[in-house]
């Protein structure tokens, strides 16, 4: 059994990390909306996807519910594929040759 003081510190750190990741996601959404170029918006969307994966993983640790880890892995895969697809479309103008 872990020390209750240690668990309180871990809860505080996890809560702070969740708030920080959510705040950063909101700030990056500004770049998605007002980005001067399409690559800026793509990078901002990739950052949002990464932050959402981090939020899901932190929430899984905080609540000790393992299925959020699976959710975060699926979100990471979807984010990776969508970033590669959009980057290929931006650079080459076509997704599938």
PDB file of N, CA and C in Angstrom:
ATOM      1  N   UNK A   1       0.846  -1.174   0.000  1.00  0.00           N
ATOM      2  CA  UNK A   1       0.000   0.000   0.000  1.00  0.00           C
ATOM      3  C   UNK A   1       0.892   1.237   0.000  1.00  0.00           C
ATOM      4  N   UNK A   2       0.569   2.156  -0.880  1.00  0.00           N
ATOM      5  CA  UNK A   2       1.393   3.353  -1.005  1.00  0.00           C
ATOM      6  C   UNK A   2       1.053   4.356   0.089  1.00  0.00           C
ATOM      7  N   UNK A   3       1.997   5.216   0.334  1.00  0.00           N
ATOM      8  CA  UNK A   3       1.837   6.265   1.328  1.00  0.00           C
ATOM      9  C   UNK A   3       0.768   7.259   0.845  1.00  0.00           C
ATOM     10  N   UNK A   4      -0.206   7.641   1.694  1.00  0.00           N
ATOM     11  CA  UNK A   4      -1.250   8.581   1.261  1.00  0.00           C
ATOM     12  C   UNK A   4      -0.690   9.935   0.841  1.00  0.00           C
ATOM     13  N   UNK A   5       0.382  10.390   1.463  1.00  0.00           N
ATOM     14  CA  UNK A   5       0.979  11.661   1.061  1.00  0.00           C
ATOM     15  C   UNK A   5       1.553  11.551  -0.350  1.00  0.00           C
ATOM     16  N   UNK A   6       2.164  10.404  -0.653  1.00  0.00           N
ATOM     17  CA  UNK A   6       2.700  10.181  -2.001  1.00  0.00           C
ATOM     18  C   UNK A   6       1.576  10.169  -3.037  1.00  0.00           C
ATOM     19  N   UNK A   7       0.461   9.515  -2.702  1.00  0.00           N
ATOM     20  CA  UNK A   7      -0.672   9.472  -3.635  1.00  0.00           C
ATOM     21  C   UNK A   7      -1.263  10.854  -3.852  1.00  0.00           C
ATOM     22  N   UNK A   8      -1.288  11.681  -2.813  1.00  0.00           N
ATOM     23  CA  UNK A   8      -1.798  13.050  -2.975  1.00  0.00           C
ATOM     24  C   UNK A   8      -0.899  13.859  -3.893  1.00  0.00           C
ATOM     25  N   UNK A   9       0.407  13.670  -3.791  1.00  0.00           N
ATOM     26  CA  UNK A   9       1.340  14.385  -4.668  1.00  0.00           C
ATOM     27  C   UNK A   9       1.160  13.918  -6.108  1.00  0.00           C
ATOM     28  N   UNK A  10       1.016  12.610  -6.293  1.00  0.00           N
ATOM     29  CA  UNK A  10       0.828  12.072  -7.649  1.00  0.00           C
ATOM     30  C   UNK A  10      -0.479  12.594  -8.244  1.00  0.00           C
ATOM     31  N   UNK A  11      -1.540  12.642  -7.450  1.00  0.00           N
ATOM     32  CA  UNK A  11      -2.809  13.176  -7.939  1.00  0.00           C
ATOM     33  C   UNK A  11      -2.675  14.642  -8.335  1.00  0.00           C
ATOM     34  N   UNK A  12      -1.967  15.402  -7.531  1.00  0.00           N
ATOM     35  CA  UNK A  12      -1.780  16.825  -7.834  1.00  0.00           C
ATOM     36  C   UNK A  12      -0.973  17.009  -9.118  1.00  0.00           C
ATOM     37  N   UNK A  13       0.071  16.227  -9.283  1.00  0.00           N
ATOM     38  CA  UNK A  13       0.902  16.334 -10.483  1.00  0.00           C
ATOM     39  C   UNK A  13       0.105  15.919 -11.718  1.00  0.00           C
ATOM     40  N   UNK A  14      -0.664  14.835 -11.599  1.00  0.00           N
ATOM     41  CA  UNK A  14      -1.473  14.392 -12.744  1.00  0.00           C
ATOM     42  C   UNK A  14      -2.527  15.425 -13.098  1.00  0.00           C
ATOM     43  N   UNK A  15      -3.173  16.001 -12.092  1.00  0.00           N
ATOM     44  CA  UNK A  15      -4.169  17.034 -12.340  1.00  0.00           C
ATOM     45  C   UNK A  15      -3.532  18.247 -13.015  1.00  0.00           C
ATOM     46  N   UNK A  16      -2.376  18.654 -12.529  1.00  0.00           N
ATOM     47  CA  UNK A  16      -1.672  19.778 -13.142  1.00  0.00           C
ATOM     48  C   UNK A  16      -1.277  19.495 -14.584  1.00  0.00           C
ATOM     49  N   UNK A  17      -0.825  18.277 -14.843  1.00  0.00           N
ATOM     50  CA  UNK A  17      -0.442  17.914 -16.214  1.00  0.00           C
ATOM     51  C   UNK A  17      -1.659  17.897 -17.132  1.00  0.00           C
ATOM     52  N   UNK A  18      -2.792  17.424 -16.617  1.00  0.00           N
ATOM     53  CA  UNK A  18      -4.020  17.434 -17.425  1.00  0.00           C
ATOM     54  C   UNK A  18      -4.451  18.857 -17.754  1.00  0.00           C
ATOM     55  N   UNK A  19      -4.402  19.730 -16.780  1.00  0.00           N
ATOM     56  CA  UNK A  19      -4.791  21.132 -17.008  1.00  0.00           C
ATOM     57  C   UNK A  19      -3.824  21.795 -17.982  1.00  0.00           C
ATOM     58  N   UNK A  20      -2.541  21.525 -17.829  1.00  0.00           N
ATOM     59  CA  UNK A  20      -1.535  22.096 -18.730  1.00  0.00           C
ATOM     60  C   UNK A  20      -1.735  21.613 -20.160  1.00  0.00           C
ATOM     61  N   UNK A  21      -1.958  20.320 -20.334  1.00  0.00           N
ATOM     62  CA  UNK A  21      -2.165  19.783 -21.687  1.00  0.00           C
ATOM     63  C   UNK A  21      -3.435  20.339 -22.309  1.00  0.00           C
ATOM     64  N   UNK A  22      -4.493  20.484 -21.510  1.00  0.00           N
ATOM     65  CA  UNK A  22      -5.738  21.050 -22.049  1.00  0.00           C
ATOM     66  C   UNK A  22      -5.555  22.515 -22.423  1.00  0.00           C
ATOM     67  N   UNK A  23      -4.852  23.261 -21.588  1.00  0.00           N
ATOM     68  CA  UNK A  23      -4.601  24.672 -21.899  1.00  0.00           C
ATOM     69  C   UNK A  23      -3.758  24.840 -23.154  1.00  0.00           C
ATOM     70  N   UNK A  24      -2.724  24.011 -23.291  1.00  0.00           N
ATOM     71  CA  UNK A  24      -1.888  24.084 -24.492  1.00  0.00           C
ATOM     72  C   UNK A  24      -2.680  23.707 -25.742  1.00  0.00           C
ATOM     73  N   UNK A  25      -3.594  22.766 -25.592  1.00  0.00           N
ATOM     74  CA  UNK A  25      -4.425  22.388 -26.731  1.00  0.00           C
ATOM     75  C   UNK A  25      -5.297  23.560 -27.171  1.00  0.00           C
ATOM     76  N   UNK A  26      -5.834  24.282 -26.203  1.00  0.00           N
ATOM     77  CA  UNK A  26      -6.641  25.455 -26.548  1.00  0.00           C
ATOM     78  C   UNK A  26      -5.794  26.533 -27.218  1.00  0.00           C
ATOM     79  N   UNK A  27      -4.575  26.736 -26.735  1.00  0.00           N
ATOM     80  CA  UNK A  27      -3.702  27.742 -27.351  1.00  0.00           C
ATOM     81  C   UNK A  27      -3.315  27.352 -28.778  1.00  0.00           C
ATOM     82  N   UNK A  28      -3.058  26.093 -29.003  1.00  0.00           N
ATOM     83  CA  UNK A  28      -2.679  25.646 -30.346  1.00  0.00           C
ATOM     84  C   UNK A  28      -3.865  25.729 -31.304  1.00  0.00           C
ATOM     85  N   UNK A  29      -5.072  25.608 -30.778  1.00  0.00           N
ATOM     86  CA  UNK A  29      -6.239  25.719 -31.657  1.00  0.00           C
ATOM     87  C   UNK A  29      -6.319  27.098 -32.301  1.00  0.00           C
ATOM     88  N   UNK A  30      -5.746  28.101 -31.652  1.00  0.00           N
ATOM     89  CA  UNK A  30      -5.682  29.426 -32.272  1.00  0.00           C
ATOM     90  C   UNK A  30      -4.870  29.367 -33.567  1.00  0.00           C
ATOM     91  N   UNK A  31      -3.766  28.605 -33.549  1.00  0.00           N
ATOM     92  CA  UNK A  31      -2.934  28.491 -34.758  1.00  0.00           C
ATOM     93  C   UNK A  31      -3.686  27.727 -35.861  1.00  0.00           C
ATOM     94  N   UNK A  32      -4.531  26.799 -35.480  1.00  0.00           N
ATOM     95  CA  UNK A  32      -5.315  26.080 -36.488  1.00  0.00           C
ATOM     96  C   UNK A  32      -6.282  27.047 -37.173  1.00  0.00           C
ATOM     97  N   UNK A  33      -6.881  27.917 -36.386  1.00  0.00           N
ATOM     98  CA  UNK A  33      -7.872  28.836 -36.940  1.00  0.00           C
ATOM     99  C   UNK A  33      -7.204  29.958 -37.716  1.00  0.00           C
ATOM    100  N   UNK A  34      -6.149  30.559 -37.170  1.00  0.00           N
ATOM    101  CA  UNK A  34      -5.540  31.749 -37.751  1.00  0.00           C
ATOM    102  C   UNK A  34      -4.204  31.476 -38.432  1.00  0.00           C
ATOM    103  N   UNK A  35      -3.826  30.223 -38.605  1.00  0.00           N
ATOM    104  CA  UNK A  35      -2.524  29.912 -39.188  1.00  0.00           C
ATOM    105  C   UNK A  35      -2.334  30.594 -40.525  1.00  0.00           C
ATOM    106  N   UNK A  36      -1.173  31.212 -40.731  1.00  0.00           N
ATOM    107  CA  UNK A  36      -1.006  31.909 -41.999  1.00  0.00           C
ATOM    108  C   UNK A  36      -0.884  30.965 -43.198  1.00  0.00           C
ATOM    109  N   UNK A  37      -0.356  29.772 -42.981  1.00  0.00           N
ATOM    110  CA  UNK A  37      -0.199  28.848 -44.104  1.00  0.00           C
ATOM    111  C   UNK A  37      -0.797  27.492 -43.735  1.00  0.00           C
ATOM    112  N   UNK A  38      -0.987  26.692 -44.760  1.00  0.00           N
ATOM    113  CA  UNK A  38      -1.528  25.347 -44.534  1.00  0.00           C
ATOM    114  C   UNK A  38      -0.566  24.474 -43.715  1.00  0.00           C
ATOM    115  N   UNK A  39       0.755  24.495 -43.991  1.00  0.00           N
ATOM    116  CA  UNK A  39       1.644  23.687 -43.133  1.00  0.00           C
ATOM    117  C   UNK A  39       1.595  24.083 -41.662  1.00  0.00           C
ATOM    118  N   UNK A  40       1.401  25.375 -41.372  1.00  0.00           N
ATOM    119  CA  UNK A  40       1.260  25.781 -39.970  1.00  0.00           C
ATOM    120  C   UNK A  40       0.041  25.125 -39.346  1.00  0.00           C
ATOM    121  N   UNK A  41      -1.031  25.081 -40.090  1.00  0.00           N
ATOM    122  CA  UNK A  41      -2.253  24.459 -39.571  1.00  0.00           C
ATOM    123  C   UNK A  41      -2.081  22.956 -39.397  1.00  0.00           C
ATOM    124  N   UNK A  42      -1.355  22.324 -40.306  1.00  0.00           N
ATOM    125  CA  UNK A  42      -1.116  20.876 -40.189  1.00  0.00           C
ATOM    126  C   UNK A  42      -0.286  20.567 -38.947  1.00  0.00           C
ATOM    127  N   UNK A  43       0.742  21.353 -38.716  1.00  0.00           N
ATOM    128  CA  UNK A  43       1.572  21.142 -37.524  1.00  0.00           C
ATOM    129  C   UNK A  43       0.736  21.379 -36.268  1.00  0.00           C
ATOM    130  N   UNK A  44      -0.129  22.386 -36.290  1.00  0.00           N
ATOM    131  CA  UNK A  44      -0.976  22.660 -35.132  1.00  0.00           C
ATOM    132  C   UNK A  44      -1.955  21.507 -34.896  1.00  0.00           C
ATOM    133  N   UNK A  45      -2.512  20.955 -35.959  1.00  0.00           N
ATOM    134  CA  UNK A  45      -3.414  19.809 -35.797  1.00  0.00           C
ATOM    135  C   UNK A  45      -2.670  18.595 -35.263  1.00  0.00           C
ATOM    136  N   UNK A  46      -1.451  18.395 -35.712  1.00  0.00           N
ATOM    137  CA  UNK A  46      -0.646  17.289 -35.189  1.00  0.00           C
ATOM    138  C   UNK A  46      -0.356  17.489 -33.705  1.00  0.00           C
ATOM    139  N   UNK A  47      -0.092  18.714 -33.325  1.00  0.00           N
ATOM    140  CA  UNK A  47       0.146  19.014 -31.913  1.00  0.00           C
ATOM    141  C   UNK A  47      -1.104  18.759 -31.075  1.00  0.00           C
ATOM    142  N   UNK A  48      -2.253  19.139 -31.605  1.00  0.00           N
ATOM    143  CA  UNK A  48      -3.509  18.878 -30.893  1.00  0.00           C
ATOM    144  C   UNK A  48      -3.727  17.377 -30.736  1.00  0.00           C
ATOM    145  N   UNK A  49      -3.455  16.608 -31.786  1.00  0.00           N
ATOM    146  CA  UNK A  49      -3.621  15.155 -31.705  1.00  0.00           C
ATOM    147  C   UNK A  49      -2.689  14.566 -30.650  1.00  0.00           C
ATOM    148  N   UNK A  50      -1.462  15.063 -30.610  1.00  0.00           N
ATOM    149  CA  UNK A  50      -0.513  14.581 -29.608  1.00  0.00           C
ATOM    150  C   UNK A  50      -0.971  14.939 -28.200  1.00  0.00           C
ATOM    151  N   UNK A  51      -1.492  16.153 -28.035  1.00  0.00           N
ATOM    152  CA  UNK A  51      -1.974  16.562 -26.713  1.00  0.00           C
ATOM    153  C   UNK A  51      -3.186  15.743 -26.286  1.00  0.00           C
ATOM    154  N   UNK A  52      -4.059  15.413 -27.218  1.00  0.00           N
ATOM    155  CA  UNK A  52      -5.229  14.597 -26.874  1.00  0.00           C
ATOM    156  C   UNK A  52      -4.788  13.190 -26.448  1.00  0.00           C
ATOM    157  N   UNK A  53      -3.783  12.652 -27.116  1.00  0.00           N
ATOM    158  CA  UNK A  53      -3.239  11.351 -26.713  1.00  0.00           C
ATOM    159  C   UNK A  53      -2.653  11.444 -25.304  1.00  0.00           C
ATOM    160  N   UNK A  54      -1.940  12.518 -25.036  1.00  0.00           N
ATOM    161  CA  UNK A  54      -1.369  12.700 -23.701  1.00  0.00           C
ATOM    162  C   UNK A  54      -2.460  12.838 -22.651  1.00  0.00           C
ATOM    163  N   UNK A  55      -3.518  13.574 -22.977  1.00  0.00           N
ATOM    164  CA  UNK A  55      -4.627  13.738 -22.037  1.00  0.00           C
ATOM    165  C   UNK A  55      -5.280  12.391 -21.747  1.00  0.00           C
ATOM    166  N   UNK A  56      -5.491  11.580 -22.776  1.00  0.00           N
ATOM    167  CA  UNK A  56      -6.107  10.266 -22.564  1.00  0.00           C
ATOM    168  C   UNK A  56      -5.211   9.368 -21.715  1.00  0.00           C
ATOM    169  N   UNK A  57      -3.906   9.412 -21.967  1.00  0.00           N
ATOM    170  CA  UNK A  57      -2.986   8.579 -21.183  1.00  0.00           C
ATOM    171  C   UNK A  57      -2.911   9.056 -19.731  1.00  0.00           C
ATOM    172  N   UNK A  58      -2.852  10.376 -19.537  1.00  0.00           N
ATOM    173  CA  UNK A  58      -2.826  10.900 -18.168  1.00  0.00           C
ATOM    174  C   UNK A  58      -4.125  10.580 -17.430  1.00  0.00           C
ATOM    175  N   UNK A  59      -5.241  10.664 -18.134  1.00  0.00           N
ATOM    176  CA  UNK A  59      -6.521  10.343 -17.509  1.00  0.00           C
ATOM    177  C   UNK A  59      -6.577   8.859 -17.142  1.00  0.00           C
ATOM    178  N   UNK A  60      -5.992   8.013 -17.989  1.00  0.00           N
ATOM    179  CA  UNK A  60      -5.938   6.579 -17.681  1.00  0.00           C
ATOM    180  C   UNK A  60      -5.133   6.315 -16.416  1.00  0.00           C
ATOM    181  N   UNK A  61      -4.037   7.039 -16.273  1.00  0.00           N
ATOM    182  CA  UNK A  61      -3.220   6.875 -15.056  1.00  0.00           C
ATOM    183  C   UNK A  61      -3.973   7.411 -13.846  1.00  0.00           C
ATOM    184  N   UNK A  62      -4.596   8.567 -14.014  1.00  0.00           N
ATOM    185  CA  UNK A  62      -5.276   9.221 -12.890  1.00  0.00           C
ATOM    186  C   UNK A  62      -6.452   8.386 -12.366  1.00  0.00           C
ATOM    187  N   UNK A  63      -7.245   7.848 -13.301  1.00  0.00           N
ATOM    188  CA  UNK A  63      -8.429   7.091 -12.903  1.00  0.00           C
ATOM    189  C   UNK A  63      -8.161   5.602 -12.775  1.00  0.00           C
ATOM    190  N   UNK A  64      -6.971   5.159 -13.190  1.00  0.00           N
ATOM    191  CA  UNK A  64      -6.596   3.744 -13.158  1.00  0.00           C
ATOM    192  C   UNK A  64      -7.577   2.884 -13.956  1.00  0.00           C
ATOM    193  N   UNK A  65      -7.985   3.415 -15.099  1.00  0.00           N
ATOM    194  CA  UNK A  65      -8.861   2.671 -16.013  1.00  0.00           C
ATOM    195  C   UNK A  65      -8.062   2.396 -17.284  1.00  0.00           C
ATOM    196  N   UNK A  66      -7.784   1.126 -17.513  1.00  0.00           N
ATOM    197  CA  UNK A  66      -6.884   0.740 -18.579  1.00  0.00           C
ATOM    198  C   UNK A  66      -7.385   0.964 -19.982  1.00  0.00           C
ATOM    199  N   UNK A  67      -8.693   1.031 -20.165  1.00  0.00           N
ATOM    200  CA  UNK A  67      -9.168   1.152 -21.548  1.00  0.00           C
ATOM    201  C   UNK A  67      -8.857   2.518 -22.143  1.00  0.00           C
ATOM    202  N   UNK A  68      -8.542   3.520 -21.341  1.00  0.00           N
ATOM    203  CA  UNK A  68      -8.130   4.804 -21.901  1.00  0.00           C
ATOM    204  C   UNK A  68      -6.749   4.712 -22.548  1.00  0.00           C
ATOM    205  N   UNK A  69      -5.952   3.742 -22.134  1.00  0.00           N
ATOM    206  CA  UNK A  69      -4.662   3.530 -22.794  1.00  0.00           C
ATOM    207  C   UNK A  69      -4.902   3.038 -24.223  1.00  0.00           C
ATOM    208  N   UNK A  70      -5.863   2.127 -24.390  1.00  0.00           N
ATOM    209  CA  UNK A  70      -6.220   1.678 -25.732  1.00  0.00           C
ATOM    210  C   UNK A  70      -6.759   2.805 -26.581  1.00  0.00           C
ATOM    211  N   UNK A  71      -7.572   3.644 -25.972  1.00  0.00           N
ATOM    212  CA  UNK A  71      -8.103   4.815 -26.683  1.00  0.00           C
ATOM    213  C   UNK A  71      -6.970   5.730 -27.123  1.00  0.00           C
ATOM    214  N   UNK A  72      -6.004   5.939 -26.236  1.00  0.00           N
ATOM    215  CA  UNK A  72      -4.891   6.821 -26.597  1.00  0.00           C
ATOM    216  C   UNK A  72      -4.041   6.218 -27.711  1.00  0.00           C
ATOM    217  N   UNK A  73      -3.879   4.903 -27.711  1.00  0.00           N
ATOM    218  CA  UNK A  73      -3.108   4.271 -28.792  1.00  0.00           C
ATOM    219  C   UNK A  73      -3.823   4.403 -30.140  1.00  0.00           C
ATOM    220  N   UNK A  74      -5.131   4.213 -30.141  1.00  0.00           N
ATOM    221  CA  UNK A  74      -5.897   4.362 -31.390  1.00  0.00           C
ATOM    222  C   UNK A  74      -5.837   5.808 -31.877  1.00  0.00           C
ATOM    223  N   UNK A  75      -5.964   6.760 -30.946  1.00  0.00           N
ATOM    224  CA  UNK A  75      -5.858   8.171 -31.328  1.00  0.00           C
ATOM    225  C   UNK A  75      -4.475   8.501 -31.886  1.00  0.00           C
ATOM    226  N   UNK A  76      -3.436   7.906 -31.314  1.00  0.00           N
ATOM    227  CA  UNK A  76      -2.083   8.141 -31.818  1.00  0.00           C
ATOM    228  C   UNK A  76      -1.924   7.609 -33.239  1.00  0.00           C
ATOM    229  N   UNK A  77      -2.488   6.440 -33.491  1.00  0.00           N
ATOM    230  CA  UNK A  77      -2.397   5.871 -34.839  1.00  0.00           C
ATOM    231  C   UNK A  77      -3.159   6.732 -35.836  1.00  0.00           C
ATOM    232  N   UNK A  78      -4.360   7.149 -35.463  1.00  0.00           N
ATOM    233  CA  UNK A  78      -5.163   7.996 -36.351  1.00  0.00           C
ATOM    234  C   UNK A  78      -4.454   9.330 -36.597  1.00  0.00           C
ATOM    235  N   UNK A  79      -3.878   9.909 -35.556  1.00  0.00           N
ATOM    236  CA  UNK A  79      -3.154  11.165 -35.717  1.00  0.00           C
ATOM    237  C   UNK A  79      -1.952  11.029 -36.623  1.00  0.00           C
ATOM    238  N   UNK A  80      -1.215   9.933 -36.487  1.00  0.00           N
ATOM    239  CA  UNK A  80      -0.044   9.709 -37.329  1.00  0.00           C
ATOM    240  C   UNK A  80      -0.450   9.552 -38.790  1.00  0.00           C
ATOM    241  N   UNK A  81      -1.455   8.737 -39.047  1.00  0.00           N
ATOM    242  CA  UNK A  81      -1.886   8.505 -40.434  1.00  0.00           C
ATOM    243  C   UNK A  81      -2.431   9.788 -41.050  1.00  0.00           C
ATOM    244  N   UNK A  82      -3.220  10.533 -40.285  1.00  0.00           N
ATOM    245  CA  UNK A  82      -3.777  11.761 -40.845  1.00  0.00           C
ATOM    246  C   UNK A  82      -2.697  12.805 -41.095  1.00  0.00           C
ATOM    247  N   UNK A  83      -1.691  12.870 -40.246  1.00  0.00           N
ATOM    248  CA  UNK A  83      -0.608  13.824 -40.469  1.00  0.00           C
ATOM    249  C   UNK A  83       0.186  13.460 -41.714  1.00  0.00           C
ATOM    250  N   UNK A  84       0.486  12.193 -41.885  1.00  0.00           N
ATOM    251  CA  UNK A  84       1.218  11.760 -43.078  1.00  0.00           C
ATOM    252  C   UNK A  84       0.396  12.031 -44.332  1.00  0.00           C
ATOM    253  N   UNK A  85      -0.893  11.774 -44.262  1.00  0.00           N
ATOM    254  CA  UNK A  85      -1.758  11.989 -45.420  1.00  0.00           C
ATOM    255  C   UNK A  85      -1.821  13.461 -45.799  1.00  0.00           C
ATOM    256  N   UNK A  86      -2.035  14.315 -44.832  1.00  0.00           N
ATOM    257  CA  UNK A  86      -2.132  15.746 -45.125  1.00  0.00           C
ATOM    258  C   UNK A  86      -0.781  16.294 -45.588  1.00  0.00           C
ATOM    259  N   UNK A  87       0.306  15.847 -44.974  1.00  0.00           N
ATOM    260  CA  UNK A  87       1.628  16.309 -45.400  1.00  0.00           C
ATOM    261  C   UNK A  87       1.921  15.890 -46.829  1.00  0.00           C
ATOM    262  N   UNK A  88       1.536  14.684 -47.184  1.00  0.00           N
ATOM    263  CA  UNK A  88       1.743  14.236 -48.570  1.00  0.00           C
ATOM    264  C   UNK A  88       0.888  15.042 -49.537  1.00  0.00           C
ATOM    265  N   UNK A  89      -0.344  15.365 -49.115  1.00  0.00           N
ATOM    266  CA  UNK A  89      -1.206  16.162 -49.982  1.00  0.00           C
ATOM    267  C   UNK A  89      -0.645  17.570 -50.152  1.00  0.00           C
ATOM    268  N   UNK A  90      -0.102  18.142 -49.096  1.00  0.00           N
ATOM    269  CA  UNK A  90       0.436  19.504 -49.176  1.00  0.00           C
ATOM    270  C   UNK A  90       1.690  19.537 -50.042  1.00  0.00           C
ATOM    271  N   UNK A  91       2.562  18.536 -49.894  1.00  0.00           N
ATOM    272  CA  UNK A  91       3.826  18.568 -50.627  1.00  0.00           C
ATOM    273  C   UNK A  91       3.694  18.119 -52.070  1.00  0.00           C
ATOM    274  N   UNK A  92       2.835  17.128 -52.329  1.00  0.00           N
ATOM    275  CA  UNK A  92       2.773  16.579 -53.672  1.00  0.00           C
ATOM    276  C   UNK A  92       1.453  16.859 -54.382  1.00  0.00           C
ATOM    277  N   UNK A  93       0.458  17.339 -53.662  1.00  0.00           N
ATOM    278  CA  UNK A  93      -0.816  17.671 -54.290  1.00  0.00           C
ATOM    279  C   UNK A  93      -1.708  16.477 -54.542  1.00  0.00           C
ATOM    280  N   UNK A  94      -1.254  15.284 -54.137  1.00  0.00           N
ATOM    281  CA  UNK A  94      -2.040  14.071 -54.343  1.00  0.00           C
ATOM    282  C   UNK A  94      -1.705  13.092 -53.224  1.00  0.00           C
ATOM    283  N   UNK A  95      -2.710  12.351 -52.783  1.00  0.00           N
ATOM    284  CA  UNK A  95      -2.469  11.405 -51.698  1.00  0.00           C
ATOM    285  C   UNK A  95      -2.019  10.059 -52.244  1.00  0.00           C
ATOM    286  N   UNK A  96      -2.745   9.566 -53.248  1.00  0.00           N
ATOM    287  CA  UNK A  96      -2.425   8.273 -53.853  1.00  0.00           C
ATOM    288  C   UNK A  96      -2.034   8.512 -55.296  1.00  0.00           C
ATOM    289  N   UNK A  97      -0.860   7.986 -55.669  1.00  0.00           N
ATOM    290  CA  UNK A  97      -0.387   8.184 -57.044  1.00  0.00           C
ATOM    291  C   UNK A  97      -1.066   7.225 -57.981  1.00  0.00           C
TER     292      UNK A  97
END
